[in-house]
């Protein structure tokens, strides 16, 4: 069942992901193109741990997995989830008692979809494309039982492979000698054609173990913006992770914030595999994606028209509508200030529109902290379709909108060009003018306009709204014009 919230179509969905290492329930709500996570729980069932011994899911792991699924199925009922999708991957696929596990899950009311290796790879690639639509490179999704490699470019899936290098298998392979893992990976990549045609591309990192490596990198390098999605690991850091992990040891790793304790025993193996992939594929960049298999399942089920929506704009529009004072008018606000910025790039236009859609996000906060609240929303929101630099630019616009600041906010976490920051400040001050003039009322924006001349910025009002041009409005118009290095004026239209 879909719902309408302030004009934005919403739906409640859940994915139950039966992996080789963990079983996880993630529930989503909000805009269909970019739903927000409202619940997330995992159980480290370890279904794949004993496969190399006897080809079966161990009895304890079997029981623990079914117990987790029982809880998750019950939660979905109580949460009144509209659509539950349950998928199983490598361990259940390969185990001789995998069919028994699926049958037990089915008795709980879960319709388990058993993914083939090709399915798993394709869906992981779709997950990355769902939040990084312009991704051009190779997706590496490291799970417990397998490693999926997917070529993505121009919004489409290309070559796919599912290789037997899941993190639960790596210790046994490495036990045969220091070079054994590299020998096997090199052979598998060559057999699948990756090293012949797909060298020198970015690697998009997916899966709990690779994201945990990114968390270690962010902590050690004191990254000032702790947002996992679209974090870029420096190549030199990626190559050194194995040695760094060995030096730190489990006790120091356990002190890293937000690093799952259950991942620590396999981090060294994951780092070794990553280093091998980087060498064999001559990786040019390492980019972390918070979206993978589960998000790919959601994305795959969307109608084509919904898939084409921009994930950032879909998410911020839903968020903005939820916090709007009267009615959501972010798009109207953007159209109102558009004449001031007509020559911008497509990316700048998107970021400006996103900031406008969030322009009401902080109005209910304490007035002394509205600017910080708006900045926080931009920097740390659960947004796809935007990199770290884009977050900073959007955050500056909202900060200036709420504070009137004409200088960069303190502690900008990444290097952003002065021109980009200056333009974001102008966006914010134009939004600030529009909000003061209109009081958040859409009809006022529809009936007024800004005109950009060679030497001045002119606010044009119809005669019956001319009384809105008070001291506060004039002050904000003057401030905006000053940042444009222009004079300002108000004109009453004939209409």
Protein backbone atom coordinates (compact mmCIF):
# COMPACT_ATOMS: atom_id res chain seq x y z
CA UNK A 1 0.00 0.00 0.00
CA UNK A 2 1.34 3.46 -0.89
CA UNK A 3 0.57 6.60 1.05
CA UNK A 4 0.73 10.30 0.37
CA UNK A 5 2.62 12.52 2.81
CA UNK A 6 2.55 16.21 1.87
CA UNK A 7 2.18 15.18 -1.77
CA UNK A 8 5.10 12.71 -1.72
CA UNK A 9 4.28 9.05 -2.40
CA UNK A 10 5.58 6.84 0.41
CA UNK A 11 5.64 3.13 1.16
CA UNK A 12 6.80 0.85 4.00
CA UNK A 13 9.07 -1.95 2.85
CA UNK A 14 11.47 -4.40 4.45
CA UNK A 15 14.31 -6.60 3.25
CA UNK A 16 15.43 -9.71 5.12
CA UNK A 17 18.90 -10.59 3.86
CA UNK A 18 20.03 -14.15 4.68
CA UNK A 19 23.77 -13.91 4.15
CA UNK A 20 26.58 -16.35 4.74
CA UNK A 21 27.84 -14.43 7.76
CA UNK A 22 24.86 -12.42 9.02
CA UNK A 23 21.08 -12.31 8.72
CA UNK A 24 19.72 -8.78 8.69
CA UNK A 25 16.34 -7.07 8.70
CA UNK A 26 16.16 -3.54 7.34
CA UNK A 27 12.84 -1.70 7.29
CA UNK A 28 12.35 1.39 5.16
CA UNK A 29 9.79 4.17 4.95
CA UNK A 30 9.47 7.32 2.89
CA UNK A 31 9.82 8.17 -0.78
CA UNK A 32 9.92 5.06 -2.96
CA UNK A 33 13.03 6.20 -4.86
CA UNK A 34 15.01 6.99 -1.71
CA UNK A 35 13.43 5.41 1.37
CA UNK A 36 14.90 6.08 4.80
CA UNK A 37 15.96 3.26 7.12
CA UNK A 38 13.60 3.11 10.11
CA UNK A 39 14.86 -0.16 11.61
CA UNK A 40 18.06 -2.16 11.17
CA UNK A 41 19.08 -5.31 13.05
CA UNK A 42 21.50 -8.12 12.29
CA UNK A 43 22.26 -11.49 13.80
CA UNK A 44 25.70 -13.01 13.13
CA UNK A 45 24.31 -16.48 12.47
CA UNK A 46 27.40 -17.70 10.57
CA UNK A 47 25.48 -19.98 8.20
CA UNK A 48 28.53 -20.37 6.00
CA UNK A 49 31.15 -21.13 8.63
CA UNK A 50 31.06 -24.93 8.36
CA UNK A 51 30.47 -25.27 4.61
CA UNK A 52 34.11 -25.98 3.88
CA UNK A 53 34.06 -28.82 6.44
CA UNK A 54 31.03 -30.88 5.44
CA UNK A 55 29.02 -28.77 2.98
CA UNK A 56 26.21 -28.19 5.48
CA UNK A 57 24.90 -25.31 7.56
CA UNK A 58 25.87 -26.30 11.10
CA UNK A 59 23.12 -27.26 13.53
CA UNK A 60 23.75 -24.33 15.87
CA UNK A 61 23.95 -21.85 13.00
CA UNK A 62 20.79 -23.35 11.47
CA UNK A 63 18.86 -22.94 14.74
CA UNK A 64 20.21 -19.44 15.34
CA UNK A 65 19.29 -18.38 11.82
CA UNK A 66 15.71 -19.66 12.06
CA UNK A 67 15.30 -18.01 15.46
CA UNK A 68 16.42 -14.69 13.94
CA UNK A 69 13.99 -15.11 11.04
CA UNK A 70 11.15 -15.86 13.45
CA UNK A 71 11.82 -12.58 15.25
CA UNK A 72 12.15 -10.63 12.01
CA UNK A 73 8.92 -12.04 10.55
CA UNK A 74 7.05 -11.12 13.72
CA UNK A 75 8.50 -7.61 13.71
CA UNK A 76 7.41 -7.06 10.12
CA UNK A 77 3.85 -8.07 11.04
CA UNK A 78 3.80 -5.73 14.03
CA UNK A 79 5.34 -2.86 12.02
CA UNK A 80 2.61 -3.35 9.40
CA UNK A 81 5.14 -3.50 6.60
CA UNK A 82 3.48 -3.28 3.19
CA UNK A 83 6.03 -5.42 1.36
CA UNK A 84 8.60 -7.88 2.76
CA UNK A 85 11.26 -9.38 0.50
CA UNK A 86 13.43 -12.18 1.87
CA UNK A 87 16.57 -13.15 -0.08
CA UNK A 88 19.20 -15.82 0.57
CA UNK A 89 22.71 -15.85 -0.88
CA UNK A 90 25.82 -18.03 -1.09
CA UNK A 91 25.63 -20.15 2.09
CA UNK A 92 22.03 -21.27 1.60
CA UNK A 93 22.66 -21.63 -2.14
CA UNK A 94 25.62 -23.97 -1.65
CA UNK A 95 24.70 -25.89 1.52
CA UNK A 96 23.38 -29.43 1.12
CA UNK A 97 20.74 -28.59 3.74
CA UNK A 98 19.97 -25.21 2.19
CA UNK A 99 16.54 -26.45 0.98
CA UNK A 100 15.72 -27.49 4.56
CA UNK A 101 16.62 -24.02 5.79
CA UNK A 102 14.39 -22.40 3.17
CA UNK A 103 11.53 -24.73 4.06
CA UNK A 104 11.85 -23.80 7.73
CA UNK A 105 11.82 -20.11 6.81
CA UNK A 106 8.77 -20.62 4.62
CA UNK A 107 6.91 -22.14 7.57
CA UNK A 108 7.39 -18.80 9.33
CA UNK A 109 5.46 -17.13 6.53
CA UNK A 110 8.54 -15.89 4.66
CA UNK A 111 8.76 -16.39 0.92
CA UNK A 112 12.51 -16.86 0.48
CA UNK A 113 14.03 -15.89 -2.86
CA UNK A 114 17.21 -17.89 -3.42
CA UNK A 115 19.62 -15.79 -5.46
CA UNK A 116 22.04 -17.33 -7.91
CA UNK A 117 25.57 -15.94 -8.04
CA UNK A 118 24.64 -13.97 -11.16
CA UNK A 119 21.52 -12.60 -9.44
CA UNK A 120 23.54 -11.55 -6.42
CA UNK A 121 26.11 -9.74 -8.53
CA UNK A 122 23.56 -7.91 -10.65
CA UNK A 123 21.49 -6.81 -7.67
CA UNK A 124 24.56 -5.56 -5.79
CA UNK A 125 25.45 -3.49 -8.85
CA UNK A 126 21.93 -2.10 -8.98
CA UNK A 127 22.24 -1.18 -5.32
CA UNK A 128 25.28 0.98 -6.05
CA UNK A 129 23.58 2.58 -9.07
CA UNK A 130 20.53 3.33 -6.94
CA UNK A 131 22.55 5.79 -4.84
CA UNK A 132 25.45 6.65 -7.16
CA UNK A 133 23.69 6.86 -10.55
CA UNK A 134 26.80 8.07 -12.37
CA UNK A 135 29.05 5.31 -10.98
CA UNK A 136 31.57 4.19 -13.59
CA UNK A 137 33.80 1.37 -12.44
CA UNK A 138 33.71 -2.03 -10.75
CA UNK A 139 31.52 -2.89 -7.78
CA UNK A 140 33.20 -5.25 -5.32
CA UNK A 141 30.66 -6.75 -2.91
CA UNK A 142 32.42 -8.90 -0.32
CA UNK A 143 30.07 -11.15 1.60
CA UNK A 144 30.64 -14.10 3.87
CA UNK A 145 30.48 -16.75 1.14
CA UNK A 146 31.35 -14.98 -2.09
CA UNK A 147 32.83 -11.93 -3.78
CA UNK A 148 30.68 -10.31 -6.45
CA UNK A 149 32.29 -8.14 -9.12
CA UNK A 150 30.08 -5.99 -11.34
CA UNK A 151 30.95 -3.54 -14.09
CA UNK A 152 28.71 -0.48 -13.88
CA UNK A 153 28.61 2.49 -16.25
CA UNK A 154 26.00 4.93 -17.61
CA UNK A 155 23.40 3.64 -15.18
CA UNK A 156 23.64 0.07 -16.47
CA UNK A 157 25.02 -3.31 -15.42
CA UNK A 158 27.78 -4.83 -17.53
CA UNK A 159 30.02 -7.83 -16.84
CA UNK A 160 29.25 -9.74 -13.62
CA UNK A 161 31.05 -12.48 -11.69
CA UNK A 162 30.44 -14.32 -8.43
CA UNK A 163 33.72 -15.70 -7.09
CA UNK A 164 34.33 -18.07 -4.11
CA UNK A 165 36.27 -15.55 -2.05
CA UNK A 166 33.81 -14.71 0.71
CA UNK A 167 35.41 -13.47 3.90
CA UNK A 168 34.58 -16.74 5.73
CA UNK A 169 36.66 -18.68 3.17
CA UNK A 170 39.75 -16.48 3.11
CA UNK A 171 41.48 -17.69 6.28
CA UNK A 172 41.48 -21.28 5.01
CA UNK A 173 42.90 -20.21 1.63
CA UNK A 174 45.58 -18.06 3.21
CA UNK A 175 46.51 -20.98 5.44
CA UNK A 176 48.01 -22.71 2.39
CA UNK A 177 50.74 -20.11 2.07
CA UNK A 178 51.40 -16.37 1.84
CA UNK A 179 50.85 -16.20 -1.94
CA UNK A 180 48.00 -18.71 -2.28
CA UNK A 181 45.15 -16.19 -2.08
CA UNK A 182 46.74 -13.94 -4.67
CA UNK A 183 47.38 -16.90 -6.96
CA UNK A 184 43.75 -18.01 -6.80
CA UNK A 185 42.31 -14.51 -7.17
CA UNK A 186 44.60 -13.73 -10.10
CA UNK A 187 43.57 -16.94 -11.84
CA UNK A 188 39.86 -16.34 -11.23
CA UNK A 189 40.02 -12.75 -12.48
CA UNK A 190 41.86 -13.84 -15.62
CA UNK A 191 39.40 -16.67 -16.28
CA UNK A 192 36.46 -14.25 -16.00
CA UNK A 193 38.19 -11.69 -18.21
CA UNK A 194 38.54 -8.91 -15.64
CA UNK A 195 42.29 -8.39 -15.92
CA UNK A 196 42.14 -8.39 -19.71
CA UNK A 197 39.63 -5.54 -20.14
CA UNK A 198 38.72 -3.87 -16.86
CA UNK A 199 41.93 -2.31 -15.54
CA UNK A 200 42.42 1.19 -14.15
CA UNK A 201 38.85 1.76 -13.00
CA UNK A 202 37.44 2.92 -9.64
CA UNK A 203 36.42 0.18 -7.22
CA UNK A 204 33.12 0.70 -5.40
CA UNK A 205 33.26 -1.11 -2.06
CA UNK A 206 30.16 -2.91 -0.77
CA UNK A 207 29.58 -5.31 2.11
CA UNK A 208 30.07 -5.23 5.86
CA UNK A 209 33.74 -6.21 5.88
CA UNK A 210 34.83 -3.64 3.29
CA UNK A 211 32.77 -0.93 4.97
CA UNK A 212 34.43 -1.85 8.25
CA UNK A 213 37.81 -1.31 6.61
CA UNK A 214 36.58 2.11 5.53
CA UNK A 215 35.54 2.85 9.12
CA UNK A 216 39.08 2.01 10.26
CA UNK A 217 40.53 4.30 7.58
CA UNK A 218 38.21 7.17 8.54
CA UNK A 219 39.15 6.86 12.21
CA UNK A 220 42.91 6.55 11.71
CA UNK A 221 43.00 9.48 9.28
CA UNK A 222 40.65 11.51 11.51
CA UNK A 223 38.24 12.19 8.70
CA UNK A 224 36.21 15.22 9.80
CA UNK A 225 32.93 14.13 8.22
CA UNK A 226 32.07 10.62 9.46
CA UNK A 227 29.69 9.76 6.61
CA UNK A 228 30.39 6.32 5.18
CA UNK A 229 28.57 6.68 1.86
CA UNK A 230 30.83 8.01 -0.89
CA UNK A 231 33.85 8.12 1.44
CA UNK A 232 36.99 7.74 -0.64
CA UNK A 233 39.85 5.71 0.81
CA UNK A 234 43.22 7.01 -0.42
CA UNK A 235 44.91 4.36 -2.55
CA UNK A 236 48.02 4.36 -0.39
CA UNK A 237 45.88 3.77 2.72
CA UNK A 238 44.07 0.90 0.99
CA UNK A 239 47.37 -0.80 0.18
CA UNK A 240 48.61 -0.49 3.76
CA UNK A 241 45.46 -1.65 5.58
CA UNK A 242 46.71 -5.21 6.13
CA UNK A 243 49.87 -4.00 7.89
CA UNK A 244 47.97 -1.34 9.83
CA UNK A 245 45.45 -3.88 11.13
CA UNK A 246 48.20 -6.27 12.21
CA UNK A 247 49.89 -3.44 14.09
CA UNK A 248 46.70 -2.26 15.83
CA UNK A 249 45.52 -5.66 17.04
CA UNK A 250 42.00 -6.62 18.18
CA UNK A 251 42.00 -4.61 21.42
CA UNK A 252 42.69 -1.27 19.75
CA UNK A 253 40.33 -2.06 16.89
CA UNK A 254 37.57 -2.72 19.40
CA UNK A 255 37.85 0.91 20.54
CA UNK A 256 37.05 2.33 17.10
CA UNK A 257 33.57 3.92 17.20
CA UNK A 258 30.84 2.18 15.16
CA UNK A 259 33.12 -0.71 14.19
CA UNK A 260 31.21 -3.95 14.65
CA UNK A 261 33.06 -6.19 17.10
CA UNK A 262 31.95 -9.27 15.18
CA UNK A 263 33.78 -8.04 12.05
CA UNK A 264 37.19 -7.66 13.71
CA UNK A 265 38.36 -11.30 13.33
CA UNK A 266 37.95 -11.20 9.54
CA UNK A 267 39.21 -7.67 8.83
CA UNK A 268 42.77 -8.81 8.13
CA UNK A 269 41.55 -11.29 5.51
CA UNK A 270 39.28 -8.65 3.93
CA UNK A 271 42.17 -6.17 3.79
CA UNK A 272 44.43 -8.77 2.15
CA UNK A 273 41.80 -9.47 -0.51
CA UNK A 274 41.26 -5.75 -1.15
CA UNK A 275 44.99 -5.21 -1.62
CA UNK A 276 45.12 -8.07 -4.14
CA UNK A 277 42.14 -6.71 -6.08
CA UNK A 278 43.77 -3.29 -6.20
CA UNK A 279 46.98 -4.74 -7.66
CA UNK A 280 45.35 -7.07 -10.14
CA UNK A 281 42.77 -4.54 -11.37
CA UNK A 282 45.13 -1.54 -11.13
CA UNK A 283 42.40 0.29 -9.23
CA UNK A 284 42.35 4.07 -9.69
CA UNK A 285 40.05 5.01 -6.77
CA UNK A 286 38.39 3.34 -3.76
CA UNK A 287 34.85 4.62 -3.16
CA UNK A 288 32.59 3.27 -0.42
CA UNK A 289 28.90 2.63 -1.12
CA UNK A 290 26.45 2.24 1.74
CA UNK A 291 24.00 0.82 -0.78
CA UNK A 292 24.36 -2.76 -1.95
CA UNK A 293 22.30 -5.91 -2.19
CA UNK A 294 19.33 -4.82 -0.06
CA UNK A 295 19.01 -1.47 -1.79
CA UNK A 296 19.42 -3.25 -5.11
CA UNK A 297 16.42 -5.46 -4.31
CA UNK A 298 14.33 -2.34 -3.67
CA UNK A 299 15.61 -0.59 -6.77
CA UNK A 300 15.02 -3.62 -8.99
CA UNK A 301 11.34 -3.67 -8.00
CA UNK A 302 10.72 -0.01 -8.87
CA UNK A 303 8.91 1.05 -12.04
CA UNK A 304 11.25 2.51 -14.65
CA UNK A 305 9.79 5.99 -14.20
CA UNK A 306 10.59 5.92 -10.47
CA UNK A 307 14.10 4.56 -11.10
CA UNK A 308 14.83 7.61 -13.24
CA UNK A 309 14.22 9.97 -10.33
CA UNK A 310 17.31 11.50 -8.78
CA UNK A 311 17.94 9.82 -5.39
CA UNK A 312 19.12 13.02 -3.71
CA UNK A 313 16.16 15.08 -4.85
CA UNK A 314 13.68 12.32 -3.97
CA UNK A 315 15.09 12.04 -0.45
CA UNK A 316 15.35 15.75 0.35
CA UNK A 317 11.90 16.44 -1.10
CA UNK A 318 10.37 13.86 1.23
CA UNK A 319 12.33 15.27 4.17
CA UNK A 320 11.44 18.85 3.31
CA UNK A 321 7.75 18.03 2.94
CA UNK A 322 7.76 16.42 6.37
CA UNK A 323 9.08 19.60 8.03
CA UNK A 324 7.34 22.28 5.93
CA UNK A 325 5.68 25.05 7.95
CA UNK A 326 2.66 25.45 5.72
CA UNK A 327 2.93 23.62 2.40
CA UNK A 328 6.09 22.30 0.78
CA UNK A 329 7.29 24.96 -1.67
CA UNK A 330 10.95 24.04 -2.23
CA UNK A 331 10.58 23.74 -5.98
CA UNK A 332 8.74 27.05 -6.16
CA UNK A 333 11.46 28.67 -4.06
CA UNK A 334 14.10 27.34 -6.44
CA UNK A 335 12.18 28.67 -9.45
CA UNK A 336 11.91 32.08 -7.72
CA UNK A 337 15.68 32.45 -7.28
CA UNK A 338 16.53 30.69 -10.58
CA UNK A 339 16.91 33.93 -12.62
CA UNK A 340 19.87 34.87 -10.43
CA UNK A 341 21.76 31.67 -11.30
CA UNK A 342 20.68 30.77 -14.83
CA UNK A 343 24.16 29.92 -16.15
CA UNK A 344 25.04 27.26 -13.57
CA UNK A 345 26.09 23.69 -14.34
CA UNK A 346 23.65 20.80 -14.07
CA UNK A 347 25.32 19.67 -10.82
CA UNK A 348 25.09 23.15 -9.29
CA UNK A 349 21.44 23.35 -10.30
CA UNK A 350 20.74 20.03 -8.58
CA UNK A 351 22.49 21.04 -5.36
CA UNK A 352 20.68 24.39 -5.30
CA UNK A 353 17.32 22.68 -5.81
CA UNK A 354 18.18 20.18 -3.06
CA UNK A 355 18.99 23.04 -0.67
CA UNK A 356 15.70 24.75 -1.54
CA UNK A 357 13.78 21.52 -0.90
CA UNK A 358 15.35 21.42 2.57
CA UNK A 359 14.84 25.13 3.25
CA UNK A 360 12.15 24.51 5.90
CA UNK A 361 13.98 21.68 7.64
CA UNK A 362 15.13 23.74 10.64
CA UNK A 363 12.32 26.21 11.26
CA UNK A 364 11.05 24.35 14.35
CA UNK A 365 14.48 24.27 16.03
CA UNK A 366 15.54 26.75 18.68
CA UNK A 367 16.16 30.03 16.78
CA UNK A 368 19.71 30.20 18.13
CA UNK A 369 20.55 26.86 16.52
CA UNK A 370 18.59 26.86 13.26
CA UNK A 371 21.67 27.50 11.13
CA UNK A 372 23.51 24.62 12.79
CA UNK A 373 20.43 22.40 12.40
CA UNK A 374 20.22 23.13 8.68
CA UNK A 375 23.96 22.53 8.28
CA UNK A 376 23.65 19.23 10.16
CA UNK A 377 20.82 18.09 7.89
CA UNK A 378 22.92 18.66 4.78
CA UNK A 379 26.18 17.22 6.06
CA UNK A 380 24.89 14.12 7.85
CA UNK A 381 21.56 13.33 6.20
CA UNK A 382 20.99 9.90 4.68
CA UNK A 383 21.42 11.13 1.12
CA UNK A 384 22.36 9.27 -2.03
CA UNK A 385 23.38 10.85 -5.31
CA UNK A 386 25.79 13.28 -3.62
CA UNK A 387 29.45 13.19 -2.66
CA UNK A 388 31.14 14.76 0.36
CA UNK A 389 31.89 18.02 -1.48
CA UNK A 390 28.25 18.30 -2.52
CA UNK A 391 27.16 17.92 1.10
CA UNK A 392 29.41 20.81 2.11
CA UNK A 393 28.07 23.08 -0.65
CA UNK A 394 24.47 22.27 0.23
CA UNK A 395 25.26 22.74 3.92
CA UNK A 396 26.75 26.19 3.30
CA UNK A 397 23.60 27.26 1.45
CA UNK A 398 21.37 26.21 4.33
CA UNK A 399 23.72 27.72 6.90
CA UNK A 400 23.65 31.10 5.14
CA UNK A 401 19.89 30.84 4.60
CA UNK A 402 19.25 30.52 8.34
CA UNK A 403 22.06 32.73 9.68
CA UNK A 404 22.65 35.33 6.99
CA UNK A 405 26.34 34.40 7.07
CA UNK A 406 28.39 35.78 4.20
CA UNK A 407 31.47 33.74 5.13
CA UNK A 408 32.08 29.96 5.13
CA UNK A 409 30.89 28.04 8.16
CA UNK A 410 33.65 27.05 10.55
CA UNK A 411 35.39 23.73 10.18
CA UNK A 412 34.58 22.89 6.55
CA UNK A 413 35.52 19.19 6.51
CA UNK A 414 36.88 18.89 2.98
CA UNK A 415 38.56 21.09 0.43
CA UNK A 416 35.93 22.98 -1.58
CA UNK A 417 36.72 25.73 -4.05
CA UNK A 418 36.19 29.33 -2.97
CA UNK A 419 33.94 29.86 -6.00
CA UNK A 420 31.65 26.98 -4.98
CA UNK A 421 31.37 28.24 -1.41
CA UNK A 422 30.75 31.82 -2.58
CA UNK A 423 27.96 30.63 -4.87
CA UNK A 424 26.42 28.53 -2.09
CA UNK A 425 26.37 31.62 0.13
CA UNK A 426 24.50 33.48 -2.60
CA UNK A 427 21.97 30.66 -2.86
CA UNK A 428 21.43 30.79 0.86
CA UNK A 429 20.94 34.56 0.96
CA UNK A 430 18.53 34.44 -1.98
CA UNK A 431 16.55 31.74 -0.17
CA UNK A 432 16.66 33.84 2.99
CA UNK A 433 15.20 36.83 1.11
CA UNK A 434 12.42 34.70 -0.40
CA UNK A 435 11.49 33.18 2.96
CA UNK A 436 11.32 36.59 4.66
CA UNK A 437 9.31 38.15 1.85
CA UNK A 438 6.78 35.33 1.62
CA UNK A 439 6.65 34.05 5.18
CA UNK A 440 6.60 30.58 3.62
CA UNK A 441 3.39 31.29 1.67
CA UNK A 442 3.53 29.85 -1.84
CA UNK A 443 1.15 32.34 -3.47
CA UNK A 444 3.43 35.28 -2.62
CA UNK A 445 6.32 33.60 -4.42
CA UNK A 446 4.12 32.88 -7.43
CA UNK A 447 3.10 36.53 -7.73
CA UNK A 448 6.49 38.15 -7.18
CA UNK A 449 9.86 37.82 -8.84
CA UNK A 450 13.53 38.75 -8.85
CA UNK A 451 15.06 40.32 -11.94
CA UNK A 452 18.79 40.35 -12.64
CA UNK A 453 20.08 43.34 -14.56
CA UNK A 454 23.59 44.35 -15.58
CA UNK A 455 23.99 46.61 -12.57
CA UNK A 456 21.20 45.74 -10.16
CA UNK A 457 18.91 43.13 -8.61
CA UNK A 458 15.25 44.17 -8.65
CA UNK A 459 12.44 42.77 -6.55
CA UNK A 460 9.18 43.07 -8.49
CA UNK A 461 5.88 43.05 -6.56
CA UNK A 462 2.27 43.44 -7.72
CA UNK A 463 0.55 46.54 -6.37
CA UNK A 464 -1.56 44.68 -3.82
CA UNK A 465 1.59 43.08 -2.34
CA UNK A 466 3.77 46.19 -2.35
CA UNK A 467 3.21 46.55 1.39
CA UNK A 468 5.34 43.43 1.93
CA UNK A 469 8.45 45.48 1.17
CA UNK A 470 9.32 46.27 4.76
CA UNK A 471 12.64 46.99 6.46
CA UNK A 472 13.54 43.34 6.98
CA UNK A 473 12.90 42.50 3.32
CA UNK A 474 14.90 45.50 2.11
CA UNK A 475 17.78 44.53 4.40
CA UNK A 476 17.91 41.01 3.00
CA UNK A 477 17.58 42.23 -0.58
CA UNK A 478 20.51 44.60 0.00
CA UNK A 479 22.63 41.86 1.55
CA UNK A 480 21.99 39.50 -1.36
CA UNK A 481 22.73 42.21 -3.93
CA UNK A 482 25.99 43.04 -2.12
CA UNK A 483 27.20 39.45 -2.51
CA UNK A 484 26.45 39.76 -6.24
CA UNK A 485 28.34 43.10 -6.28
CA UNK A 486 25.24 44.84 -7.61
CA UNK A 487 22.87 47.56 -6.47
CA UNK A 488 19.26 46.78 -5.59
CA UNK A 489 15.78 48.17 -6.15
CA UNK A 490 12.09 47.38 -5.71
CA UNK A 491 9.55 47.96 -8.46
CA UNK A 492 5.78 47.74 -8.39
CA UNK A 493 4.46 45.94 -11.46
CA UNK A 494 1.56 47.25 -13.50
CA UNK A 495 -0.42 44.05 -12.96
